[in-house]
Amino acid sequence: MMEVKRFPLPEVSAELGKMIEARLHNDGDVAEVVKALQARLTGSVATPIYLVLDPEDERELGRQDGPSSASTFVKFLRDSARRAEELARR
C-alpha cells in the first residue's frame, strides 16, 4: 500500500506537502456516486490511481496508475508540480 510504505518517506512527504491532498476510496461498501466521480476524473474505477489536478478546471497535470517505487512516485509528483507552475505563469 503506497499510503503506508511510500507516503511517509521524507522525499515523498516533502513533495506531497506542497499539494492539497484529497483521497477517494472506492473499495468496500461505497455509494455508486463515489465510483462515478472516480470514473469521471480518471476514466477508470481501478485502484490505485494517483492524479494531480488543476483545482481551477480539473485538468489532469499528472497521473500514476498503480504502485511504484519511491523515486518514480517523487518524479511523478515533481513533474506534475512543474506542469502546474508552467500553467500558472501563462
C-alpha atoms as a PDB file:
ATOM      1  CA  MET A   1       0.000   0.000   0.000  1.00  0.00           C
ATOM      2  CA  MET A   2       1.560   3.237  -1.214  1.00  0.00           C
ATOM      3  CA  GLU A   3      -0.040   5.316   1.538  1.00  0.00           C
ATOM      4  CA  VAL A   4       1.680   3.223   4.206  1.00  0.00           C
ATOM      5  CA  LYS A   5       5.017   2.413   2.566  1.00  0.00           C
ATOM      6  CA  ARG A   6       5.783   5.394   0.328  1.00  0.00           C
ATOM      7  CA  PHE A   7       3.912   8.473   1.583  1.00  0.00           C
ATOM      8  CA  PRO A   8       5.824   8.667   4.914  1.00  0.00           C
ATOM      9  CA  LEU A   9       9.240   8.612   3.212  1.00  0.00           C
ATOM     10  CA  PRO A  10      10.921  12.024   3.567  1.00  0.00           C
ATOM     11  CA  GLU A  11      11.392  12.547  -0.182  1.00  0.00           C
ATOM     12  CA  VAL A  12       7.731  11.683  -0.884  1.00  0.00           C
ATOM     13  CA  SER A  13       6.213  13.566   2.050  1.00  0.00           C
ATOM     14  CA  ALA A  14       8.227  16.668   1.105  1.00  0.00           C
ATOM     15  CA  GLU A  15       6.601  16.705  -2.345  1.00  0.00           C
ATOM     16  CA  LEU A  16       3.131  15.830  -1.031  1.00  0.00           C
ATOM     17  CA  GLY A  17       3.454  18.693   1.453  1.00  0.00           C
ATOM     18  CA  LYS A  18       3.412  21.116  -1.484  1.00  0.00           C
ATOM     19  CA  MET A  19      -0.006  19.882  -2.616  1.00  0.00           C
ATOM     20  CA  ILE A  20      -3.520  19.655  -1.282  1.00  0.00           C
ATOM     21  CA  GLU A  21      -4.347  16.001  -0.837  1.00  0.00           C
ATOM     22  CA  ALA A  22      -7.776  14.513  -1.408  1.00  0.00           C
ATOM     23  CA  ARG A  23      -8.427  10.798  -1.272  1.00  0.00           C
ATOM     24  CA  LEU A  24     -11.239   8.944  -2.917  1.00  0.00           C
ATOM     25  CA  HIS A  25     -11.641   5.372  -1.695  1.00  0.00           C
ATOM     26  CA  ASN A  26     -13.854   3.219  -3.888  1.00  0.00           C
ATOM     27  CA  ASP A  27     -13.262  -0.096  -2.145  1.00  0.00           C
ATOM     28  CA  GLY A  28     -15.668  -1.773   0.206  1.00  0.00           C
ATOM     29  CA  ASP A  29     -19.311  -0.844   0.517  1.00  0.00           C
ATOM     30  CA  VAL A  30     -19.469   2.598  -1.095  1.00  0.00           C
ATOM     31  CA  ALA A  31     -22.148   4.556  -2.861  1.00  0.00           C
ATOM     32  CA  GLU A  32     -22.219   4.438  -6.645  1.00  0.00           C
ATOM     33  CA  VAL A  33     -21.711   8.199  -6.695  1.00  0.00           C
ATOM     34  CA  VAL A  34     -18.141   7.675  -5.423  1.00  0.00           C
ATOM     35  CA  LYS A  35     -17.326   5.290  -8.251  1.00  0.00           C
ATOM     36  CA  ALA A  36     -18.997   7.629 -10.722  1.00  0.00           C
ATOM     37  CA  LEU A  37     -16.819  10.526  -9.540  1.00  0.00           C
ATOM     38  CA  GLN A  38     -13.674   8.427  -9.898  1.00  0.00           C
ATOM     39  CA  ALA A  39     -14.746   7.311 -13.362  1.00  0.00           C
ATOM     40  CA  ARG A  40     -15.369  10.943 -14.367  1.00  0.00           C
ATOM     41  CA  LEU A  41     -11.989  12.096 -13.083  1.00  0.00           C
ATOM     42  CA  THR A  42      -9.900   9.143 -14.257  1.00  0.00           C
ATOM     43  CA  GLY A  43     -11.881   7.206 -16.846  1.00  0.00           C
ATOM     44  CA  SER A  44     -11.470   4.136 -14.638  1.00  0.00           C
ATOM     45  CA  VAL A  45     -12.610   2.622 -11.353  1.00  0.00           C
ATOM     46  CA  ALA A  46      -9.381   0.648 -10.941  1.00  0.00           C
ATOM     47  CA  THR A  47      -7.181   1.272  -7.927  1.00  0.00           C
ATOM     48  CA  PRO A  48      -4.824   2.765  -7.126  1.00  0.00           C
ATOM     49  CA  ILE A  49      -4.715   5.767  -9.425  1.00  0.00           C
ATOM     50  CA  TYR A  50      -2.913   8.907  -8.309  1.00  0.00           C
ATOM     51  CA  LEU A  51      -3.847  12.172 -10.004  1.00  0.00           C
ATOM     52  CA  VAL A  52      -2.647  15.715  -9.772  1.00  0.00           C
ATOM     53  CA  LEU A  53      -5.407  18.014 -10.985  1.00  0.00           C
ATOM     54  CA  ASP A  54      -5.549  21.726 -11.647  1.00  0.00           C
ATOM     55  CA  PRO A  55      -8.001  22.980  -8.991  1.00  0.00           C
ATOM     56  CA  GLU A  56      -9.418  25.594 -11.356  1.00  0.00           C
ATOM     57  CA  ASP A  57     -10.542  23.356 -14.208  1.00  0.00           C
ATOM     58  CA  GLU A  58      -9.733  19.775 -13.106  1.00  0.00           C
ATOM     59  CA  ARG A  59      -7.194  19.483 -15.917  1.00  0.00           C
ATOM     60  CA  GLU A  60      -5.000  16.446 -15.359  1.00  0.00           C
ATOM     61  CA  LEU A  61      -1.442  17.568 -14.617  1.00  0.00           C
ATOM     62  CA  GLY A  62      -0.111  14.119 -13.812  1.00  0.00           C
ATOM     63  CA  ARG A  63      -1.227  10.543 -13.406  1.00  0.00           C
ATOM     64  CA  GLN A  64       0.328   7.469 -11.824  1.00  0.00           C
ATOM     65  CA  ASP A  65      -1.540   4.197 -12.287  1.00  0.00           C
ATOM     66  CA  GLY A  66      -0.708   1.554  -9.729  1.00  0.00           C
ATOM     67  CA  PRO A  67       2.047   1.375  -7.165  1.00  0.00           C
ATOM     68  CA  SER A  68       5.594   2.446  -7.950  1.00  0.00           C
ATOM     69  CA  SER A  69       8.996   2.886  -6.393  1.00  0.00           C
ATOM     70  CA  ALA A  70       9.573   5.937  -4.226  1.00  0.00           C
ATOM     71  CA  SER A  71      11.810   7.527  -6.857  1.00  0.00           C
ATOM     72  CA  THR A  72       9.231   7.016  -9.612  1.00  0.00           C
ATOM     73  CA  PHE A  73       6.485   8.471  -7.426  1.00  0.00           C
ATOM     74  CA  VAL A  74       8.612  11.506  -6.497  1.00  0.00           C
ATOM     75  CA  LYS A  75       9.321  12.084 -10.197  1.00  0.00           C
ATOM     76  CA  PHE A  76       5.568  11.922 -10.926  1.00  0.00           C
ATOM     77  CA  LEU A  77       4.871  14.489  -8.175  1.00  0.00           C
ATOM     78  CA  ARG A  78       7.660  16.824  -9.291  1.00  0.00           C
ATOM     79  CA  ASP A  79       6.682  16.613 -12.961  1.00  0.00           C
ATOM     80  CA  SER A  80       3.061  17.344 -12.048  1.00  0.00           C
ATOM     81  CA  ALA A  81       4.060  20.321  -9.895  1.00  0.00           C
ATOM     82  CA  ARG A  82       6.227  21.664 -12.726  1.00  0.00           C
ATOM     83  CA  ARG A  83       3.237  21.475 -15.109  1.00  0.00           C
ATOM     84  CA  ALA A  84       1.140  23.385 -12.564  1.00  0.00           C
ATOM     85  CA  GLU A  85       3.818  26.088 -12.296  1.00  0.00           C
ATOM     86  CA  GLU A  86       4.036  26.382 -16.088  1.00  0.00           C
ATOM     87  CA  LEU A  87       0.260  26.873 -16.335  1.00  0.00           C
ATOM     88  CA  ALA A  88       0.306  29.454 -13.552  1.00  0.00           C
ATOM     89  CA  ARG A  89       2.863  31.544 -15.469  1.00  0.00           C
ATOM     90  CA  ARG A  90       0.625  31.734 -18.554  1.00  0.00           C
END
